């Protein structure tokens, strides 16, 4: 039994190739100014303030050691102030 299937889209002018850009931060591709799902549900429309990037290793807040010199067995020590 050979069945052919065909369909048409009625009333559609064109199919978009990519999603639209939304100005207020939702859907932005940069990752900055994004609002979390929880904030959207609660009605909070302003994105959280950006945090300053800190190099934890340079500031001696994180230390990585390898178990018996094996680079496949890293141990990560994190300073209590980070938590």
C-alpha atoms as a PDB file:
ATOM      1  CA  UNK A   1       0.000   0.000   0.000  1.00  0.00           C
ATOM      2  CA  UNK A   2       1.606   3.254  -1.154  1.00  0.00           C
ATOM      3  CA  UNK A   3       0.163   6.361   0.501  1.00  0.00           C
ATOM      4  CA  UNK A   4       1.362   9.852  -0.337  1.00  0.00           C
ATOM      5  CA  UNK A   5       0.972  12.621   2.182  1.00  0.00           C
ATOM      6  CA  UNK A   6       0.861  16.303   1.311  1.00  0.00           C
ATOM      7  CA  UNK A   7      -0.079  19.379   3.313  1.00  0.00           C
ATOM      8  CA  UNK A   8      -0.245  23.101   2.829  1.00  0.00           C
ATOM      9  CA  UNK A   9      -0.098  26.038   5.186  1.00  0.00           C
ATOM     10  CA  UNK A  10      -3.120  28.272   4.811  1.00  0.00           C
ATOM     11  CA  UNK A  11      -2.844  31.934   5.755  1.00  0.00           C
ATOM     12  CA  UNK A  12       0.910  31.868   6.469  1.00  0.00           C
ATOM     13  CA  UNK A  13       2.905  34.433   4.517  1.00  0.00           C
ATOM     14  CA  UNK A  14       6.360  33.098   5.335  1.00  0.00           C
ATOM     15  CA  UNK A  15       8.028  30.906   7.931  1.00  0.00           C
ATOM     16  CA  UNK A  16      10.620  32.839   9.963  1.00  0.00           C
ATOM     17  CA  UNK A  17      14.156  31.485   9.852  1.00  0.00           C
ATOM     18  CA  UNK A  18      15.092  32.660  13.362  1.00  0.00           C
ATOM     19  CA  UNK A  19      13.199  33.837  16.455  1.00  0.00           C
ATOM     20  CA  UNK A  20      12.505  37.564  16.815  1.00  0.00           C
ATOM     21  CA  UNK A  21      14.709  39.747  18.999  1.00  0.00           C
ATOM     22  CA  UNK A  22      12.930  41.027  22.052  1.00  0.00           C
ATOM     23  CA  UNK A  23      14.125  44.382  23.315  1.00  0.00           C
ATOM     24  CA  UNK A  24      13.634  44.115  27.105  1.00  0.00           C
ATOM     25  CA  UNK A  25      16.154  41.334  27.686  1.00  0.00           C
ATOM     26  CA  UNK A  26      14.009  38.286  27.098  1.00  0.00           C
ATOM     27  CA  UNK A  27      15.571  36.107  24.444  1.00  0.00           C
ATOM     28  CA  UNK A  28      18.704  38.188  24.102  1.00  0.00           C
ATOM     29  CA  UNK A  29      21.588  36.193  22.683  1.00  0.00           C
ATOM     30  CA  UNK A  30      24.253  37.962  24.730  1.00  0.00           C
ATOM     31  CA  UNK A  31      23.255  36.283  28.009  1.00  0.00           C
ATOM     32  CA  UNK A  32      23.354  39.606  29.795  1.00  0.00           C
ATOM     33  CA  UNK A  33      20.225  41.090  31.251  1.00  0.00           C
ATOM     34  CA  UNK A  34      18.283  37.852  31.216  1.00  0.00           C
ATOM     35  CA  UNK A  35      15.356  37.431  33.576  1.00  0.00           C
ATOM     36  CA  UNK A  36      14.940  34.026  35.221  1.00  0.00           C
ATOM     37  CA  UNK A  37      11.804  31.930  34.829  1.00  0.00           C
ATOM     38  CA  UNK A  38      10.998  32.483  38.514  1.00  0.00           C
ATOM     39  CA  UNK A  39      11.179  36.254  38.055  1.00  0.00           C
ATOM     40  CA  UNK A  40       8.940  36.066  34.979  1.00  0.00           C
ATOM     41  CA  UNK A  41       6.331  34.107  36.955  1.00  0.00           C
ATOM     42  CA  UNK A  42       6.522  36.569  39.854  1.00  0.00           C
ATOM     43  CA  UNK A  43       6.151  39.500  37.454  1.00  0.00           C
ATOM     44  CA  UNK A  44       9.619  40.971  37.969  1.00  0.00           C
ATOM     45  CA  UNK A  45      10.544  42.508  34.622  1.00  0.00           C
ATOM     46  CA  UNK A  46      13.909  44.091  35.426  1.00  0.00           C
ATOM     47  CA  UNK A  47      17.013  41.926  34.990  1.00  0.00           C
ATOM     48  CA  UNK A  48      19.257  41.408  38.023  1.00  0.00           C
ATOM     49  CA  UNK A  49      22.355  43.621  38.267  1.00  0.00           C
ATOM     50  CA  UNK A  50      25.509  42.248  36.664  1.00  0.00           C
ATOM     51  CA  UNK A  51      28.085  40.815  39.061  1.00  0.00           C
ATOM     52  CA  UNK A  52      31.734  41.693  38.821  1.00  0.00           C
ATOM     53  CA  UNK A  53      33.858  38.818  37.526  1.00  0.00           C
ATOM     54  CA  UNK A  54      36.443  37.681  40.045  1.00  0.00           C
ATOM     55  CA  UNK A  55      39.318  35.290  39.361  1.00  0.00           C
ATOM     56  CA  UNK A  56      39.049  32.996  42.384  1.00  0.00           C
ATOM     57  CA  UNK A  57      42.410  31.318  41.782  1.00  0.00           C
ATOM     58  CA  UNK A  58      44.319  34.621  41.550  1.00  0.00           C
ATOM     59  CA  UNK A  59      42.629  35.822  44.757  1.00  0.00           C
ATOM     60  CA  UNK A  60      43.586  32.579  46.560  1.00  0.00           C
ATOM     61  CA  UNK A  61      39.949  31.658  47.136  1.00  0.00           C
ATOM     62  CA  UNK A  62      40.159  28.407  45.147  1.00  0.00           C
ATOM     63  CA  UNK A  63      43.020  25.940  44.997  1.00  0.00           C
ATOM     64  CA  UNK A  64      43.291  22.875  42.732  1.00  0.00           C
ATOM     65  CA  UNK A  65      45.538  19.950  43.609  1.00  0.00           C
ATOM     66  CA  UNK A  66      45.953  16.657  41.805  1.00  0.00           C
ATOM     67  CA  UNK A  67      45.733  13.412  43.773  1.00  0.00           C
ATOM     68  CA  UNK A  68      49.214  11.807  43.690  1.00  0.00           C
ATOM     69  CA  UNK A  69      50.149  14.034  40.732  1.00  0.00           C
ATOM     70  CA  UNK A  70      47.458  12.455  38.520  1.00  0.00           C
ATOM     71  CA  UNK A  71      45.807  15.209  36.466  1.00  0.00           C
ATOM     72  CA  UNK A  72      42.717  12.997  36.048  1.00  0.00           C
ATOM     73  CA  UNK A  73      42.022  13.165  39.793  1.00  0.00           C
ATOM     74  CA  UNK A  74      41.730  16.863  40.689  1.00  0.00           C
ATOM     75  CA  UNK A  75      40.799  18.038  44.169  1.00  0.00           C
ATOM     76  CA  UNK A  76      39.250  21.492  44.406  1.00  0.00           C
ATOM     77  CA  UNK A  77      39.494  23.399  47.672  1.00  0.00           C
ATOM     78  CA  UNK A  78      37.174  26.386  48.017  1.00  0.00           C
ATOM     79  CA  UNK A  79      37.534  29.071  50.663  1.00  0.00           C
ATOM     80  CA  UNK A  80      34.636  29.364  53.123  1.00  0.00           C
ATOM     81  CA  UNK A  81      34.080  33.016  52.160  1.00  0.00           C
ATOM     82  CA  UNK A  82      33.038  31.924  48.656  1.00  0.00           C
ATOM     83  CA  UNK A  83      30.068  30.028  50.022  1.00  0.00           C
END
